[in-house]
Amino acid sequence: MNCTRKMAWNEQFMELFDRCVERYRGGDADFAHYYGEDDLHFLREIGYKPRELFDFVEDFVDEEAPTPSTALLIAAVRRDYLQVVQGGILSEIEITRDELPTFGDTLGDIAYLPRILTKARAKLRGELDPDLMYGCGGDRKFLRENSVHPADFLRHVWAAGDDDEKVVNLVRSSSDESRGSDPG
């Protein structure tokens, strides 16, 4: 009997993330060669595209954000959504840059919210074009300014479904709490 335990998906993700960080730090920016067949199979199982992981690696090394733990938490939300909502079936749709709201569009008088909300919904479904990143610098700035963790935002978007007002309320309440606003 084989006593070797199968690595938990989160450990496998972190091991792959760390390997990719080392390759990138070593000067190899050609992510297409980062992954073996087992890695590609693993990424498909959790609903990730090879470029998605690389974007997190690249930003972590170059900008120190998002952290590896944030990348893992975001991957966990995507993986859960794939399993629970999509029944493990990957979407064949891809949302391109041209289909995103602009940076200045507003929802509930909150600039950028339509853009990040569209990206979050596409991230949940695995429908972001490889040239788009949920958690990019603009997303991180918006979420930081509104005191919402990127993985928490994804979970709230999932829970809100098509109800944009629930997401507006999340952003407003998180933003108000972080500023210590006084309602009276």
N, C-alpha and C. Protein backbone atom coordinates (compact mmCIF):
# COMPACT_ATOMS: atom_id res chain seq x y z
N MET A 1 0.85 -1.19 0.00
CA MET A 1 0.00 0.00 0.00
C MET A 1 0.88 1.24 0.00
N ASN A 2 0.55 2.20 -0.83
CA ASN A 2 1.30 3.44 -0.92
C ASN A 2 0.90 4.37 0.22
N CYS A 3 1.85 4.72 1.05
CA CYS A 3 1.57 5.56 2.22
C CYS A 3 1.79 7.04 1.94
N THR A 4 2.23 7.37 0.73
CA THR A 4 2.46 8.77 0.39
C THR A 4 1.11 9.46 0.31
N ARG A 5 0.97 10.51 1.09
CA ARG A 5 -0.31 11.22 1.08
C ARG A 5 -0.36 12.16 -0.11
N LYS A 6 -1.53 12.31 -0.64
CA LYS A 6 -1.71 13.23 -1.75
C LYS A 6 -1.66 14.66 -1.19
N MET A 7 -0.92 15.50 -1.87
CA MET A 7 -0.78 16.88 -1.43
C MET A 7 -2.13 17.58 -1.54
N ALA A 8 -2.50 18.35 -0.50
CA ALA A 8 -3.72 19.15 -0.55
C ALA A 8 -3.58 20.22 -1.62
N TRP A 9 -4.69 20.58 -2.23
CA TRP A 9 -4.64 21.52 -3.36
C TRP A 9 -3.98 22.84 -2.97
N ASN A 10 -4.23 23.32 -1.74
CA ASN A 10 -3.64 24.60 -1.34
C ASN A 10 -2.12 24.50 -1.23
N GLU A 11 -1.62 23.35 -0.76
CA GLU A 11 -0.18 23.15 -0.69
C GLU A 11 0.41 23.07 -2.10
N GLN A 12 -0.31 22.41 -2.99
CA GLN A 12 0.14 22.30 -4.37
C GLN A 12 0.18 23.68 -5.03
N PHE A 13 -0.84 24.49 -4.74
CA PHE A 13 -0.88 25.85 -5.28
C PHE A 13 0.32 26.66 -4.79
N MET A 14 0.59 26.60 -3.49
CA MET A 14 1.70 27.37 -2.93
C MET A 14 3.04 26.87 -3.44
N GLU A 15 3.18 25.57 -3.61
CA GLU A 15 4.42 25.02 -4.14
C GLU A 15 4.63 25.51 -5.58
N LEU A 16 3.59 25.48 -6.38
CA LEU A 16 3.67 25.96 -7.75
C LEU A 16 3.95 27.46 -7.78
N PHE A 17 3.28 28.20 -6.94
CA PHE A 17 3.49 29.64 -6.86
C PHE A 17 4.95 29.94 -6.53
N ASP A 18 5.48 29.26 -5.52
CA ASP A 18 6.87 29.48 -5.12
C ASP A 18 7.85 29.11 -6.23
N ARG A 19 7.58 28.01 -6.94
CA ARG A 19 8.45 27.63 -8.07
C ARG A 19 8.44 28.70 -9.15
N CYS A 20 7.26 29.24 -9.42
CA CYS A 20 7.13 30.27 -10.44
C CYS A 20 7.84 31.56 -10.00
N VAL A 21 7.74 31.90 -8.74
CA VAL A 21 8.43 33.08 -8.21
C VAL A 21 9.93 32.93 -8.41
N GLU A 22 10.46 31.76 -8.11
CA GLU A 22 11.90 31.54 -8.27
C GLU A 22 12.32 31.67 -9.73
N ARG A 23 11.53 31.13 -10.64
CA ARG A 23 11.85 31.25 -12.07
C ARG A 23 11.82 32.71 -12.51
N TYR A 24 10.80 33.43 -12.07
CA TYR A 24 10.68 34.83 -12.46
C TYR A 24 11.83 35.65 -11.87
N ARG A 25 12.12 35.43 -10.60
CA ARG A 25 13.25 36.14 -9.96
C ARG A 25 14.58 35.80 -10.64
N GLY A 26 14.67 34.61 -11.21
CA GLY A 26 15.87 34.19 -11.92
C GLY A 26 15.98 34.77 -13.32
N GLY A 27 15.01 35.58 -13.71
CA GLY A 27 15.08 36.25 -15.00
C GLY A 27 14.24 35.61 -16.10
N ASP A 28 13.53 34.54 -15.79
CA ASP A 28 12.70 33.85 -16.79
C ASP A 28 11.28 34.42 -16.72
N ALA A 29 10.93 35.24 -17.69
CA ALA A 29 9.59 35.84 -17.72
C ALA A 29 8.67 35.15 -18.73
N ASP A 30 9.11 34.04 -19.30
CA ASP A 30 8.31 33.30 -20.28
C ASP A 30 7.50 32.23 -19.55
N PHE A 31 6.36 32.65 -19.01
CA PHE A 31 5.55 31.76 -18.18
C PHE A 31 5.07 30.52 -18.92
N ALA A 32 5.04 30.56 -20.22
CA ALA A 32 4.56 29.41 -21.00
C ALA A 32 5.40 28.16 -20.73
N HIS A 33 6.62 28.36 -20.27
CA HIS A 33 7.50 27.23 -19.97
C HIS A 33 7.58 26.90 -18.48
N TYR A 34 6.80 27.57 -17.67
CA TYR A 34 6.82 27.35 -16.22
C TYR A 34 6.17 26.03 -15.82
N TYR A 35 5.24 25.57 -16.62
CA TYR A 35 4.34 24.50 -16.19
C TYR A 35 4.55 23.20 -16.95
N GLY A 36 4.59 22.12 -16.19
CA GLY A 36 4.57 20.80 -16.78
C GLY A 36 3.13 20.36 -16.96
N GLU A 37 2.93 19.17 -17.51
CA GLU A 37 1.57 18.66 -17.73
C GLU A 37 0.79 18.53 -16.41
N ASP A 38 1.45 18.07 -15.36
CA ASP A 38 0.77 17.95 -14.05
C ASP A 38 0.32 19.32 -13.55
N ASP A 39 1.17 20.32 -13.74
CA ASP A 39 0.82 21.68 -13.32
C ASP A 39 -0.38 22.20 -14.10
N LEU A 40 -0.38 21.98 -15.41
CA LEU A 40 -1.49 22.44 -16.25
C LEU A 40 -2.79 21.74 -15.87
N HIS A 41 -2.70 20.44 -15.58
CA HIS A 41 -3.87 19.69 -15.13
C HIS A 41 -4.39 20.26 -13.81
N PHE A 42 -3.49 20.52 -12.90
CA PHE A 42 -3.86 21.09 -11.61
C PHE A 42 -4.54 22.45 -11.80
N LEU A 43 -3.95 23.31 -12.62
CA LEU A 43 -4.54 24.63 -12.84
C LEU A 43 -5.95 24.51 -13.41
N ARG A 44 -6.16 23.60 -14.35
CA ARG A 44 -7.52 23.38 -14.90
C ARG A 44 -8.47 22.92 -13.80
N GLU A 45 -8.00 22.04 -12.93
CA GLU A 45 -8.86 21.53 -11.84
C GLU A 45 -9.34 22.63 -10.91
N ILE A 46 -8.53 23.66 -10.70
CA ILE A 46 -8.95 24.74 -9.81
C ILE A 46 -9.53 25.93 -10.58
N GLY A 47 -9.64 25.78 -11.91
CA GLY A 47 -10.26 26.82 -12.72
C GLY A 47 -9.34 27.97 -13.06
N TYR A 48 -8.05 27.70 -13.12
CA TYR A 48 -7.06 28.74 -13.41
C TYR A 48 -6.45 28.55 -14.78
N LYS A 49 -6.13 29.67 -15.39
CA LYS A 49 -5.39 29.67 -16.65
C LYS A 49 -3.93 29.95 -16.30
N PRO A 50 -2.99 29.42 -17.07
CA PRO A 50 -1.57 29.63 -16.76
C PRO A 50 -1.18 31.10 -16.59
N ARG A 51 -1.74 31.95 -17.40
CA ARG A 51 -1.41 33.38 -17.31
C ARG A 51 -1.90 33.99 -16.00
N GLU A 52 -3.04 33.50 -15.47
CA GLU A 52 -3.57 34.04 -14.22
C GLU A 52 -2.57 33.90 -13.08
N LEU A 53 -2.04 32.71 -12.95
CA LEU A 53 -1.07 32.48 -11.88
C LEU A 53 0.16 33.34 -12.10
N PHE A 54 0.63 33.40 -13.33
CA PHE A 54 1.81 34.21 -13.63
C PHE A 54 1.60 35.67 -13.27
N ASP A 55 0.42 36.22 -13.55
CA ASP A 55 0.15 37.62 -13.22
C ASP A 55 0.31 37.88 -11.73
N PHE A 56 -0.16 36.95 -10.90
CA PHE A 56 0.00 37.10 -9.46
C PHE A 56 1.47 37.00 -9.07
N VAL A 57 2.19 36.08 -9.68
CA VAL A 57 3.63 35.92 -9.42
C VAL A 57 4.38 37.19 -9.81
N GLU A 58 4.14 37.66 -11.02
CA GLU A 58 4.82 38.86 -11.53
C GLU A 58 4.57 40.07 -10.63
N ASP A 59 3.31 40.31 -10.27
CA ASP A 59 3.00 41.46 -9.43
C ASP A 59 3.59 41.31 -8.04
N PHE A 60 3.58 40.08 -7.51
CA PHE A 60 4.18 39.86 -6.19
C PHE A 60 5.67 40.18 -6.20
N VAL A 61 6.38 39.70 -7.20
CA VAL A 61 7.83 39.94 -7.27
C VAL A 61 8.11 41.41 -7.54
N ASP A 62 7.41 42.00 -8.49
CA ASP A 62 7.69 43.37 -8.90
C ASP A 62 7.12 44.43 -7.96
N GLU A 63 5.98 44.14 -7.34
CA GLU A 63 5.29 45.16 -6.54
C GLU A 63 5.01 44.74 -5.10
N GLU A 64 5.35 43.51 -4.76
CA GLU A 64 5.12 42.93 -3.43
C GLU A 64 3.63 42.83 -3.09
N ALA A 65 2.80 42.83 -4.11
CA ALA A 65 1.36 42.67 -3.91
C ALA A 65 0.76 42.17 -5.22
N PRO A 66 -0.21 41.32 -5.15
CA PRO A 66 -0.78 40.72 -3.95
C PRO A 66 0.16 39.67 -3.35
N THR A 67 0.02 39.47 -2.07
CA THR A 67 0.85 38.50 -1.38
C THR A 67 0.48 37.08 -1.82
N PRO A 68 1.36 36.13 -1.58
CA PRO A 68 1.01 34.74 -1.91
C PRO A 68 -0.26 34.26 -1.20
N SER A 69 -0.46 34.69 0.04
CA SER A 69 -1.67 34.26 0.76
C SER A 69 -2.92 34.85 0.11
N THR A 70 -2.84 36.07 -0.39
CA THR A 70 -3.98 36.66 -1.10
C THR A 70 -4.23 35.91 -2.40
N ALA A 71 -3.17 35.57 -3.12
CA ALA A 71 -3.33 34.79 -4.35
C ALA A 71 -4.01 33.46 -4.05
N LEU A 72 -3.63 32.82 -2.95
CA LEU A 72 -4.24 31.55 -2.56
C LEU A 72 -5.72 31.74 -2.21
N LEU A 73 -6.04 32.78 -1.47
CA LEU A 73 -7.43 33.02 -1.08
C LEU A 73 -8.30 33.29 -2.31
N ILE A 74 -7.78 34.04 -3.26
CA ILE A 74 -8.52 34.30 -4.50
C ILE A 74 -8.71 32.99 -5.26
N ALA A 75 -7.66 32.19 -5.33
CA ALA A 75 -7.76 30.88 -6.00
C ALA A 75 -8.80 30.00 -5.32
N ALA A 76 -8.89 30.09 -4.00
CA ALA A 76 -9.86 29.27 -3.26
C ALA A 76 -11.29 29.65 -3.63
N VAL A 77 -11.55 30.95 -3.77
CA VAL A 77 -12.89 31.39 -4.16
C VAL A 77 -13.21 30.89 -5.56
N ARG A 78 -12.28 31.05 -6.48
CA ARG A 78 -12.51 30.59 -7.87
C ARG A 78 -12.75 29.09 -7.90
N ARG A 79 -11.91 28.35 -7.18
CA ARG A 79 -12.03 26.89 -7.13
C ARG A 79 -13.39 26.48 -6.56
N ASP A 80 -13.80 27.12 -5.48
CA ASP A 80 -15.10 26.81 -4.87
C ASP A 80 -16.24 27.10 -5.84
N TYR A 81 -16.17 28.25 -6.50
CA TYR A 81 -17.21 28.61 -7.46
C TYR A 81 -17.28 27.59 -8.59
N LEU A 82 -16.12 27.18 -9.09
CA LEU A 82 -16.07 26.18 -10.15
C LEU A 82 -16.75 24.89 -9.70
N GLN A 83 -16.47 24.46 -8.50
CA GLN A 83 -17.03 23.20 -8.01
C GLN A 83 -18.50 23.31 -7.64
N VAL A 84 -18.86 24.38 -6.94
CA VAL A 84 -20.22 24.51 -6.39
C VAL A 84 -21.22 24.99 -7.45
N VAL A 85 -20.89 26.03 -8.15
CA VAL A 85 -21.83 26.64 -9.09
C VAL A 85 -21.72 26.04 -10.49
N GLN A 86 -20.50 25.83 -10.95
CA GLN A 86 -20.30 25.35 -12.32
C GLN A 86 -20.19 23.83 -12.40
N GLY A 87 -20.29 23.14 -11.29
CA GLY A 87 -20.23 21.69 -11.30
C GLY A 87 -18.96 21.14 -11.91
N GLY A 88 -17.86 21.91 -11.79
CA GLY A 88 -16.58 21.47 -12.32
C GLY A 88 -16.40 21.68 -13.81
N ILE A 89 -17.39 22.30 -14.44
CA ILE A 89 -17.33 22.51 -15.89
C ILE A 89 -16.84 23.92 -16.19
N LEU A 90 -15.73 24.02 -16.91
CA LEU A 90 -15.14 25.30 -17.26
C LEU A 90 -15.97 26.01 -18.31
N SER A 91 -16.08 27.32 -18.18
CA SER A 91 -16.78 28.13 -19.17
C SER A 91 -15.91 28.27 -20.42
N GLU A 92 -16.55 28.39 -21.55
CA GLU A 92 -15.83 28.60 -22.80
C GLU A 92 -15.88 30.07 -23.24
N ILE A 93 -16.49 30.91 -22.43
CA ILE A 93 -16.62 32.34 -22.72
C ILE A 93 -15.39 33.07 -22.19
N GLU A 94 -14.96 34.11 -22.91
CA GLU A 94 -13.91 34.98 -22.41
C GLU A 94 -14.34 36.43 -22.56
N ILE A 95 -14.23 37.17 -21.47
CA ILE A 95 -14.54 38.59 -21.45
C ILE A 95 -13.26 39.35 -21.82
N THR A 96 -13.35 40.19 -22.84
CA THR A 96 -12.17 40.93 -23.28
C THR A 96 -12.17 42.34 -22.68
N ARG A 97 -11.07 43.01 -22.84
CA ARG A 97 -10.89 44.38 -22.36
C ARG A 97 -11.98 45.30 -22.91
N ASP A 98 -12.37 45.09 -24.16
CA ASP A 98 -13.38 45.94 -24.79
C ASP A 98 -14.77 45.76 -24.18
N GLU A 99 -14.98 44.67 -23.48
CA GLU A 99 -16.29 44.41 -22.86
C GLU A 99 -16.39 44.92 -21.43
N LEU A 100 -15.29 45.46 -20.91
CA LEU A 100 -15.29 45.99 -19.55
C LEU A 100 -15.78 47.44 -19.52
N PRO A 101 -16.48 47.80 -18.47
CA PRO A 101 -16.78 49.23 -18.28
C PRO A 101 -15.46 50.01 -18.18
N THR A 102 -15.53 51.31 -18.44
CA THR A 102 -14.32 52.12 -18.38
C THR A 102 -13.95 52.40 -16.92
N PHE A 103 -12.75 52.93 -16.75
CA PHE A 103 -12.26 53.25 -15.41
C PHE A 103 -13.13 54.31 -14.73
N GLY A 104 -13.73 55.19 -15.50
CA GLY A 104 -14.51 56.28 -14.93
C GLY A 104 -15.99 55.98 -14.76
N ASP A 105 -16.47 54.84 -15.26
CA ASP A 105 -17.88 54.50 -15.08
C ASP A 105 -18.20 54.36 -13.60
N THR A 106 -19.43 54.69 -13.23
CA THR A 106 -19.83 54.62 -11.82
C THR A 106 -21.03 53.71 -11.63
N LEU A 107 -21.15 53.21 -10.43
CA LEU A 107 -22.31 52.46 -9.98
C LEU A 107 -22.57 52.93 -8.56
N GLY A 108 -23.76 53.43 -8.30
CA GLY A 108 -24.04 53.99 -6.98
C GLY A 108 -23.12 55.15 -6.66
N ASP A 109 -22.77 55.91 -7.68
CA ASP A 109 -21.84 57.05 -7.57
C ASP A 109 -20.43 56.64 -7.14
N ILE A 110 -20.08 55.37 -7.33
CA ILE A 110 -18.76 54.88 -6.97
C ILE A 110 -18.00 54.59 -8.26
N ALA A 111 -16.98 55.41 -8.52
CA ALA A 111 -16.17 55.23 -9.72
C ALA A 111 -15.40 53.92 -9.64
N TYR A 112 -15.22 53.29 -10.78
CA TYR A 112 -14.47 52.05 -10.97
C TYR A 112 -15.26 50.80 -10.56
N LEU A 113 -16.30 50.96 -9.77
CA LEU A 113 -17.05 49.79 -9.29
C LEU A 113 -17.64 48.96 -10.43
N PRO A 114 -18.20 49.55 -11.48
CA PRO A 114 -18.71 48.69 -12.57
C PRO A 114 -17.61 47.84 -13.20
N ARG A 115 -16.43 48.39 -13.32
CA ARG A 115 -15.31 47.67 -13.94
C ARG A 115 -14.88 46.49 -13.07
N ILE A 116 -14.62 46.73 -11.79
CA ILE A 116 -14.15 45.65 -10.93
C ILE A 116 -15.26 44.63 -10.69
N LEU A 117 -16.50 45.06 -10.68
CA LEU A 117 -17.61 44.12 -10.51
C LEU A 117 -17.70 43.19 -11.72
N THR A 118 -17.57 43.74 -12.91
CA THR A 118 -17.58 42.92 -14.13
C THR A 118 -16.41 41.95 -14.12
N LYS A 119 -15.23 42.43 -13.73
CA LYS A 119 -14.05 41.57 -13.67
C LYS A 119 -14.23 40.48 -12.62
N ALA A 120 -14.80 40.82 -11.47
CA ALA A 120 -15.00 39.84 -10.40
C ALA A 120 -15.96 38.74 -10.85
N ARG A 121 -17.03 39.12 -11.50
CA ARG A 121 -17.99 38.11 -11.99
C ARG A 121 -17.33 37.21 -13.02
N ALA A 122 -16.54 37.80 -13.90
CA ALA A 122 -15.83 37.00 -14.91
C ALA A 122 -14.77 36.12 -14.25
N LYS A 123 -14.11 36.62 -13.22
CA LYS A 123 -13.11 35.82 -12.50
C LYS A 123 -13.77 34.61 -11.86
N LEU A 124 -14.90 34.83 -11.22
CA LEU A 124 -15.62 33.72 -10.59
C LEU A 124 -15.93 32.63 -11.60
N ARG A 125 -16.35 33.01 -12.78
CA ARG A 125 -16.74 32.05 -13.82
C ARG A 125 -15.56 31.55 -14.64
N GLY A 126 -14.37 32.13 -14.40
CA GLY A 126 -13.19 31.74 -15.19
C GLY A 126 -13.26 32.28 -16.60
N GLU A 127 -13.86 33.46 -16.76
CA GLU A 127 -14.10 33.99 -18.09
C GLU A 127 -13.25 35.21 -18.45
N LEU A 128 -12.27 35.54 -17.64
CA LEU A 128 -11.41 36.67 -17.98
C LEU A 128 -10.44 36.28 -19.08
N ASP A 129 -10.34 37.12 -20.08
CA ASP A 129 -9.32 36.96 -21.11
C ASP A 129 -7.96 36.90 -20.41
N PRO A 130 -7.04 36.10 -20.90
CA PRO A 130 -5.73 35.99 -20.25
C PRO A 130 -4.99 37.33 -20.12
N ASP A 131 -5.33 38.31 -20.94
CA ASP A 131 -4.69 39.62 -20.82
C ASP A 131 -5.31 40.50 -19.74
N LEU A 132 -6.33 40.02 -19.07
CA LEU A 132 -6.97 40.76 -17.99
C LEU A 132 -6.67 40.06 -16.67
N MET A 133 -6.56 40.85 -15.62
CA MET A 133 -6.27 40.29 -14.31
C MET A 133 -7.23 40.85 -13.27
N TYR A 134 -7.90 39.95 -12.55
CA TYR A 134 -8.61 40.38 -11.36
C TYR A 134 -7.55 40.49 -10.27
N GLY A 135 -7.46 41.65 -9.65
CA GLY A 135 -6.44 41.87 -8.63
C GLY A 135 -5.26 42.66 -9.18
N CYS A 136 -5.44 43.29 -10.34
CA CYS A 136 -4.38 44.13 -10.91
C CYS A 136 -4.19 45.36 -10.02
N GLY A 137 -3.25 46.20 -10.39
CA GLY A 137 -2.96 47.39 -9.59
C GLY A 137 -4.17 48.28 -9.38
N GLY A 138 -4.96 48.50 -10.42
CA GLY A 138 -6.16 49.33 -10.30
C GLY A 138 -7.19 48.70 -9.36
N ASP A 139 -7.36 47.39 -9.47
CA ASP A 139 -8.29 46.68 -8.58
C ASP A 139 -7.81 46.77 -7.14
N ARG A 140 -6.50 46.54 -6.94
CA ARG A 140 -5.95 46.59 -5.58
C ARG A 140 -6.13 47.98 -4.97
N LYS A 141 -5.91 49.02 -5.77
CA LYS A 141 -6.08 50.39 -5.28
C LYS A 141 -7.53 50.63 -4.86
N PHE A 142 -8.47 50.24 -5.72
CA PHE A 142 -9.89 50.41 -5.40
C PHE A 142 -10.26 49.67 -4.12
N LEU A 143 -9.86 48.41 -4.04
CA LEU A 143 -10.21 47.60 -2.87
C LEU A 143 -9.53 48.11 -1.60
N ARG A 144 -8.29 48.53 -1.70
CA ARG A 144 -7.58 49.09 -0.54
C ARG A 144 -8.27 50.36 -0.06
N GLU A 145 -8.62 51.25 -1.00
CA GLU A 145 -9.28 52.51 -0.64
C GLU A 145 -10.64 52.27 -0.01
N ASN A 146 -11.26 51.14 -0.33
CA ASN A 146 -12.58 50.83 0.21
C ASN A 146 -12.54 49.75 1.28
N SER A 147 -11.35 49.39 1.71
CA SER A 147 -11.13 48.45 2.82
C SER A 147 -11.82 47.10 2.62
N VAL A 148 -11.67 46.55 1.41
CA VAL A 148 -12.22 45.24 1.11
C VAL A 148 -11.09 44.36 0.58
N HIS A 149 -10.94 43.19 1.17
CA HIS A 149 -9.93 42.24 0.69
C HIS A 149 -10.39 41.69 -0.66
N PRO A 150 -9.47 41.48 -1.60
CA PRO A 150 -9.86 40.97 -2.93
C PRO A 150 -10.64 39.66 -2.89
N ALA A 151 -10.28 38.74 -2.02
CA ALA A 151 -11.02 37.47 -1.93
C ALA A 151 -12.39 37.69 -1.30
N ASP A 152 -12.48 38.57 -0.32
CA ASP A 152 -13.78 38.88 0.29
C ASP A 152 -14.70 39.53 -0.74
N PHE A 153 -14.15 40.41 -1.56
CA PHE A 153 -14.96 41.05 -2.60
C PHE A 153 -15.54 39.98 -3.53
N LEU A 154 -14.70 39.02 -3.94
CA LEU A 154 -15.20 37.94 -4.80
C LEU A 154 -16.33 37.17 -4.13
N ARG A 155 -16.16 36.83 -2.87
CA ARG A 155 -17.22 36.08 -2.16
C ARG A 155 -18.50 36.89 -2.05
N HIS A 156 -18.37 38.19 -1.80
CA HIS A 156 -19.57 39.04 -1.72
C HIS A 156 -20.25 39.15 -3.09
N VAL A 157 -19.45 39.26 -4.14
CA VAL A 157 -20.03 39.31 -5.49
C VAL A 157 -20.75 38.00 -5.78
N TRP A 158 -20.17 36.90 -5.41
CA TRP A 158 -20.80 35.58 -5.57
C TRP A 158 -22.14 35.56 -4.83
N ALA A 159 -22.13 35.98 -3.57
CA ALA A 159 -23.34 35.95 -2.75
C ALA A 159 -24.40 36.92 -3.28
N ALA A 160 -23.97 38.03 -3.86
CA ALA A 160 -24.92 39.03 -4.36
C ALA A 160 -25.60 38.60 -5.64
N GLY A 161 -24.99 37.66 -6.36
CA GLY A 161 -25.58 37.23 -7.64
C GLY A 161 -25.63 38.41 -8.59
N ASP A 162 -26.80 38.68 -9.13
CA ASP A 162 -26.98 39.78 -10.08
C ASP A 162 -27.42 41.08 -9.40
N ASP A 163 -27.47 41.09 -8.08
CA ASP A 163 -27.94 42.25 -7.34
C ASP A 163 -26.79 43.24 -7.11
N ASP A 164 -26.64 44.18 -8.04
CA ASP A 164 -25.57 45.16 -7.95
C ASP A 164 -25.65 46.00 -6.68
N GLU A 165 -26.87 46.25 -6.22
CA GLU A 165 -27.06 47.10 -5.04
C GLU A 165 -26.41 46.48 -3.79
N LYS A 166 -26.41 45.15 -3.70
CA LYS A 166 -25.74 44.50 -2.57
C LYS A 166 -24.24 44.78 -2.59
N VAL A 167 -23.65 44.81 -3.77
CA VAL A 167 -22.22 45.11 -3.89
C VAL A 167 -21.96 46.57 -3.57
N VAL A 168 -22.82 47.46 -4.04
CA VAL A 168 -22.70 48.89 -3.70
C VAL A 168 -22.74 49.05 -2.19
N ASN A 169 -23.68 48.39 -1.53
CA ASN A 169 -23.80 48.49 -0.08
C ASN A 169 -22.56 47.96 0.64
N LEU A 170 -21.98 46.86 0.14
CA LEU A 170 -20.75 46.33 0.72
C LEU A 170 -19.65 47.37 0.64
N VAL A 171 -19.46 47.95 -0.52
CA VAL A 171 -18.38 48.92 -0.70
C VAL A 171 -18.61 50.14 0.19
N ARG A 172 -19.83 50.63 0.22
CA ARG A 172 -20.14 51.80 1.06
C ARG A 172 -19.92 51.50 2.53
N SER A 173 -20.41 50.36 3.00
CA SER A 173 -20.28 50.05 4.43
C SER A 173 -18.82 49.78 4.81
N SER A 174 -18.08 49.11 3.95
CA SER A 174 -16.66 48.86 4.23
C SER A 174 -15.88 50.17 4.24
N SER A 175 -16.18 51.03 3.31
CA SER A 175 -15.52 52.31 3.21
C SER A 175 -15.85 53.18 4.42
N ASP A 176 -17.13 53.19 4.81
CA ASP A 176 -17.56 53.98 5.98
C ASP A 176 -16.89 53.47 7.26
N GLU A 177 -16.84 52.14 7.42
CA GLU A 177 -16.22 51.55 8.61
C GLU A 177 -14.75 51.92 8.70
N SER A 178 -14.06 51.92 7.57
CA SER A 178 -12.62 52.20 7.59
C SER A 178 -12.35 53.65 7.92
N ARG A 179 -13.29 54.52 7.58
CA ARG A 179 -13.11 55.95 7.87
C ARG A 179 -13.66 56.30 9.24
N GLY A 180 -14.36 55.35 9.86
CA GLY A 180 -14.96 55.63 11.16
C GLY A 180 -16.03 56.70 11.06
N SER A 181 -16.81 56.63 10.00
CA SER A 181 -17.80 57.66 9.74
C SER A 181 -18.85 57.71 10.84
N ASP A 182 -19.30 58.90 11.07
CA ASP A 182 -20.34 59.15 12.05
C ASP A 182 -21.63 59.44 11.32
N PRO A 183 -22.61 58.52 11.40
CA PRO A 183 -23.84 58.74 10.64
C PRO A 183 -24.64 59.93 11.09
N GLY A 184 -24.40 60.45 12.28
CA GLY A 184 -25.22 61.57 12.76
C GLY A 184 -24.42 62.75 12.86
